[in-house]
Amino acid sequence: MNPRLRLLAWTNRLTALTLVALLTGTTAAFGGRVWWAPAVIGVLSLALVALGLTRVLLEGSMGGLKSPLTALGVLAVALAAVQLAPMPGRL
């Protein structure tokens, strides 16, 4: 097994563990609304995105760009960015 395939297997395992921790942790922290929940959820979400990008880098292809839903996703991100931008007080 070459190193690239070994890294890909570890990336897949870590992605699965991160996803399980994220889903279990958000369910467990939802009822009590503990102080550490937003930070942990943010870190786990960031780890999930980083692992996904690592997997794409190791595979060498990004199939999501060929999808017809890519333009819709880009529009949704642009709308979110516009809504998050601060507006002047007169608007």
Protein backbone atom coordinates (compact mmCIF):
# COMPACT_ATOMS: atom_id res chain seq x y z
CA MET A 1 0.00 0.00 0.00
CA ASN A 2 1.59 3.25 -1.10
CA PRO A 3 1.67 6.32 1.17
CA ARG A 4 -1.01 8.20 -0.80
CA LEU A 5 -3.54 5.40 -0.36
CA ARG A 6 -2.62 5.06 3.30
CA LEU A 7 -3.16 8.81 3.84
CA LEU A 8 -6.45 8.59 1.97
CA ALA A 9 -7.60 5.72 4.20
CA TRP A 10 -6.65 7.68 7.35
CA THR A 11 -8.39 10.77 6.02
CA ASN A 12 -11.58 8.77 5.44
CA ARG A 13 -11.41 7.30 8.96
CA LEU A 14 -10.81 10.69 10.55
CA THR A 15 -13.67 12.17 8.52
CA ALA A 16 -16.02 9.47 9.78
CA LEU A 17 -14.89 9.95 13.39
CA THR A 18 -15.23 13.73 13.14
CA LEU A 19 -18.70 13.43 11.67
CA VAL A 20 -19.79 11.02 14.41
CA ALA A 21 -18.35 13.33 17.08
CA LEU A 22 -20.04 16.34 15.54
CA LEU A 23 -23.46 14.68 15.32
CA THR A 24 -23.22 13.11 18.77
CA GLY A 25 -21.79 16.22 20.38
CA THR A 26 -24.38 18.58 18.97
CA THR A 27 -27.14 16.27 20.13
CA ALA A 28 -25.65 15.95 23.62
CA ALA A 29 -24.92 19.67 24.03
CA PHE A 30 -28.24 20.85 22.64
CA GLY A 31 -30.34 20.13 25.73
CA GLY A 32 -28.05 21.77 28.25
CA ARG A 33 -26.73 24.56 26.04
CA VAL A 34 -23.33 24.34 27.62
CA TRP A 35 -20.79 27.13 27.25
CA TRP A 36 -18.25 25.04 25.34
CA ALA A 37 -20.64 23.79 22.66
CA PRO A 38 -20.19 26.60 20.06
CA ALA A 39 -16.40 26.37 20.22
CA VAL A 40 -16.35 22.58 19.92
CA ILE A 41 -18.89 22.58 17.10
CA GLY A 42 -16.85 25.21 15.27
CA VAL A 43 -13.60 23.27 15.65
CA LEU A 44 -15.21 20.00 14.54
CA SER A 45 -16.82 21.69 11.54
CA LEU A 46 -13.50 23.23 10.56
CA ALA A 47 -11.81 19.83 10.92
CA LEU A 48 -14.48 18.26 8.73
CA VAL A 49 -13.92 20.85 5.98
CA ALA A 50 -10.12 20.49 6.25
CA LEU A 51 -10.35 16.71 6.00
CA GLY A 52 -12.65 16.99 2.99
CA LEU A 53 -10.24 19.31 1.23
CA THR A 54 -7.36 16.98 2.09
CA ARG A 55 -9.25 14.07 0.59
CA VAL A 56 -9.89 16.05 -2.60
CA LEU A 57 -6.20 16.94 -2.75
CA LEU A 58 -5.15 13.30 -2.31
CA GLU A 59 -7.63 12.03 -4.90
CA GLY A 60 -6.56 14.66 -7.41
CA SER A 61 -10.02 15.54 -8.67
CA MET A 62 -12.92 17.66 -7.55
CA GLY A 63 -16.13 16.18 -8.92
CA GLY A 64 -18.37 18.80 -7.34
CA LEU A 65 -17.34 21.46 -9.83
CA LYS A 66 -18.91 19.51 -12.70
CA SER A 67 -22.30 19.37 -11.01
CA PRO A 68 -25.13 21.61 -12.19
CA LEU A 69 -25.74 22.55 -8.55
CA THR A 70 -22.37 24.31 -8.32
CA ALA A 71 -23.78 27.60 -9.59
CA LEU A 72 -26.64 27.39 -7.08
CA GLY A 73 -24.17 26.79 -4.27
CA VAL A 74 -22.04 29.75 -5.33
CA LEU A 75 -25.15 31.94 -5.43
CA ALA A 76 -26.13 30.81 -1.93
CA VAL A 77 -22.67 31.62 -0.56
CA ALA A 78 -22.76 35.03 -2.27
CA LEU A 79 -26.18 35.75 -0.77
CA ALA A 80 -24.91 34.80 2.68
CA ALA A 81 -21.89 37.08 2.25
CA VAL A 82 -24.12 39.99 1.23
CA GLN A 83 -26.41 39.40 4.19
CA LEU A 84 -23.48 39.28 6.62
CA ALA A 85 -21.92 42.49 5.34
CA PRO A 86 -22.63 45.52 7.54
CA MET A 87 -24.94 48.07 5.98
CA PRO A 88 -24.95 51.83 6.56
CA GLY A 89 -27.42 53.13 9.12
CA ARG A 90 -29.61 54.94 6.58
CA LEU A 91 -30.52 51.77 4.70
